[in-house]
Amino acid sequence: MTGETNLTTLLKNMTPVLNEGDYVYCTVSSLQSIDPADILGLFKEAEGFTFILKKEIADQLQLEYSYIAAWITLTIHSSLEATGLTAAFSTTLAQEGISCNVIAAYYHDHIFVAKADAAKAMDALKKLSNQ
């Protein structure tokens, strides 16, 4: 299965789901002290490893972070080759004054917004989907 590519279908059926919990972005130069099972997302940059995990785990590990996020999953299986989905929902969120950080995984798109904006973001995404 390669996922949906039709933008109209993607928007109509994206069905955003707000995942439970608070999530944070952290960075370290080595992953030795991090249990891979605790990592939600990981990216290696020149400056170090950036990863996303639950806030309570970051607190237990005494990791620094400056952004507490809510995690929204678009449940439609979107293709990595789909055009316009990220632009559509990020524009909608921007029009509401909501910053978003996006991760496109194999099956779904995942959006991280400031925890305080979670309900407003969900409303905006549902409205976009119902247009």
Protein backbone atom coordinates (compact mmCIF):
# COMPACT_ATOMS: atom_id res chain seq x y z
CA MET A 1 0.00 0.00 0.00
CA THR A 2 1.47 3.31 -1.06
CA GLY A 3 -1.16 5.62 0.40
CA GLU A 4 -3.54 8.23 -0.96
CA THR A 5 -2.27 10.97 -3.29
CA ASN A 6 -5.49 12.80 -4.23
CA LEU A 7 -5.56 16.06 -2.25
CA THR A 8 -9.36 16.31 -2.16
CA THR A 9 -9.62 12.78 -0.78
CA LEU A 10 -6.83 13.41 1.70
CA LEU A 11 -8.45 16.56 3.08
CA LYS A 12 -11.93 15.08 3.24
CA ASN A 13 -10.75 11.92 5.02
CA MET A 14 -7.76 13.09 7.07
CA THR A 15 -9.64 12.60 10.39
CA PRO A 16 -7.35 14.30 12.92
CA VAL A 17 -6.92 12.55 16.27
CA LEU A 18 -5.46 14.27 19.32
CA ASN A 19 -3.14 11.83 21.08
CA GLU A 20 -3.02 11.81 24.88
CA GLY A 21 -0.11 13.43 26.69
CA ASP A 22 2.44 16.19 26.46
CA TYR A 23 5.41 15.87 24.10
CA VAL A 24 8.75 17.67 23.95
CA TYR A 25 11.64 18.08 21.55
CA CYS A 26 15.07 17.43 23.04
CA THR A 27 18.57 17.33 21.65
CA VAL A 28 21.66 15.39 22.71
CA SER A 29 25.01 14.59 21.14
CA SER A 30 24.69 10.87 21.96
CA LEU A 31 21.71 8.58 22.43
CA GLN A 32 23.47 6.32 24.95
CA SER A 33 21.28 7.37 27.89
CA ILE A 34 18.00 7.22 25.92
CA ASP A 35 15.93 4.05 25.67
CA PRO A 36 14.94 3.73 21.98
CA ALA A 37 11.50 2.49 23.10
CA ASP A 38 10.84 5.93 24.63
CA ILE A 39 11.57 7.85 21.42
CA LEU A 40 8.57 8.88 19.34
CA GLY A 41 10.56 10.57 16.58
CA LEU A 42 14.27 10.93 15.86
CA PHE A 43 16.34 12.92 13.40
CA LYS A 44 20.13 13.16 13.19
CA GLU A 45 21.38 16.69 12.49
CA ALA A 46 24.94 17.99 12.23
CA GLU A 47 24.63 19.48 15.74
CA GLY A 48 23.31 16.31 17.38
CA PHE A 49 20.23 14.12 17.66
CA THR A 50 16.83 15.78 17.85
CA PHE A 51 14.12 13.56 19.26
CA ILE A 52 10.55 13.73 20.47
CA LEU A 53 9.32 11.96 23.56
CA LYS A 54 6.75 12.24 26.30
CA LYS A 55 7.38 15.15 28.64
CA GLU A 56 7.34 12.94 31.74
CA ILE A 57 10.16 10.81 30.34
CA ALA A 58 12.22 13.90 29.51
CA ASP A 59 11.63 15.12 33.07
CA GLN A 60 12.73 11.75 34.52
CA LEU A 61 15.91 11.90 32.42
CA GLN A 62 16.44 15.57 33.34
CA LEU A 63 16.57 16.57 29.68
CA GLU A 64 16.17 20.19 28.67
CA TYR A 65 13.32 21.34 26.43
CA SER A 66 11.64 24.64 25.68
CA TYR A 67 8.48 23.60 23.84
CA ILE A 68 5.60 21.50 25.17
CA ALA A 69 3.48 20.12 22.37
CA ALA A 70 0.28 18.28 21.67
CA TRP A 71 0.48 15.51 19.06
CA ILE A 72 -2.19 15.28 16.36
CA THR A 73 -2.28 12.36 13.92
CA LEU A 74 -4.05 12.58 10.57
CA THR A 75 -5.37 9.04 10.34
CA ILE A 76 -5.65 8.76 6.56
CA HIS A 77 -2.83 6.76 4.97
CA SER A 78 -1.23 9.53 2.95
CA SER A 79 1.39 8.79 0.34
CA LEU A 80 4.84 10.25 0.82
CA GLU A 81 4.40 11.47 -2.77
CA ALA A 82 1.13 13.33 -2.08
CA THR A 83 1.22 17.01 -3.04
CA GLY A 84 -0.44 19.81 -1.11
CA LEU A 85 -1.60 18.18 2.13
CA THR A 86 1.04 19.75 4.35
CA ALA A 87 0.56 23.12 2.66
CA ALA A 88 -3.22 22.95 3.13
CA PHE A 89 -3.25 22.13 6.82
CA SER A 90 -0.27 24.31 7.73
CA THR A 91 -1.89 27.28 5.97
CA THR A 92 -5.15 26.64 7.83
CA LEU A 93 -3.30 26.48 11.15
CA ALA A 94 -1.26 29.60 10.32
CA GLN A 95 -4.46 31.51 9.60
CA GLU A 96 -5.50 30.67 13.17
CA GLY A 97 -2.13 31.83 14.51
CA ILE A 98 -1.02 28.27 15.29
CA SER A 99 2.55 27.15 14.67
CA CYS A 100 2.95 23.53 13.63
CA ASN A 101 5.81 21.09 13.38
CA VAL A 102 5.14 18.26 10.95
CA ILE A 103 6.48 14.75 10.62
CA ALA A 104 5.47 12.71 7.59
CA ALA A 105 5.78 9.04 8.46
CA TYR A 106 5.08 6.12 6.13
CA TYR A 107 1.39 5.78 6.97
CA HIS A 108 0.31 9.10 8.48
CA ASP A 109 1.17 12.74 8.93
CA HIS A 110 1.79 13.88 12.49
CA ILE A 111 1.42 17.47 13.62
CA PHE A 112 2.87 18.92 16.80
CA VAL A 113 1.33 22.16 18.03
CA ALA A 114 1.82 24.10 21.25
CA LYS A 115 -0.15 22.34 23.99
CA ALA A 116 -2.21 25.49 24.58
CA ASP A 117 -3.32 25.45 20.91
CA ALA A 118 -4.43 21.80 20.76
CA ALA A 119 -8.21 22.32 20.90
CA LYS A 120 -8.07 25.27 18.50
CA ALA A 121 -5.92 23.25 16.09
CA MET A 122 -8.30 20.30 16.20
CA ASP A 123 -11.24 22.61 15.44
CA ALA A 124 -9.39 24.19 12.50
CA LEU A 125 -8.37 20.81 11.06
CA LYS A 126 -11.89 19.39 11.36
CA LYS A 127 -13.27 22.52 9.69
CA LEU A 128 -10.77 22.11 6.83
CA SER A 129 -11.75 18.47 6.44
CA ASN A 130 -15.46 19.34 6.28
CA GLN A 131 -15.09 21.98 3.53
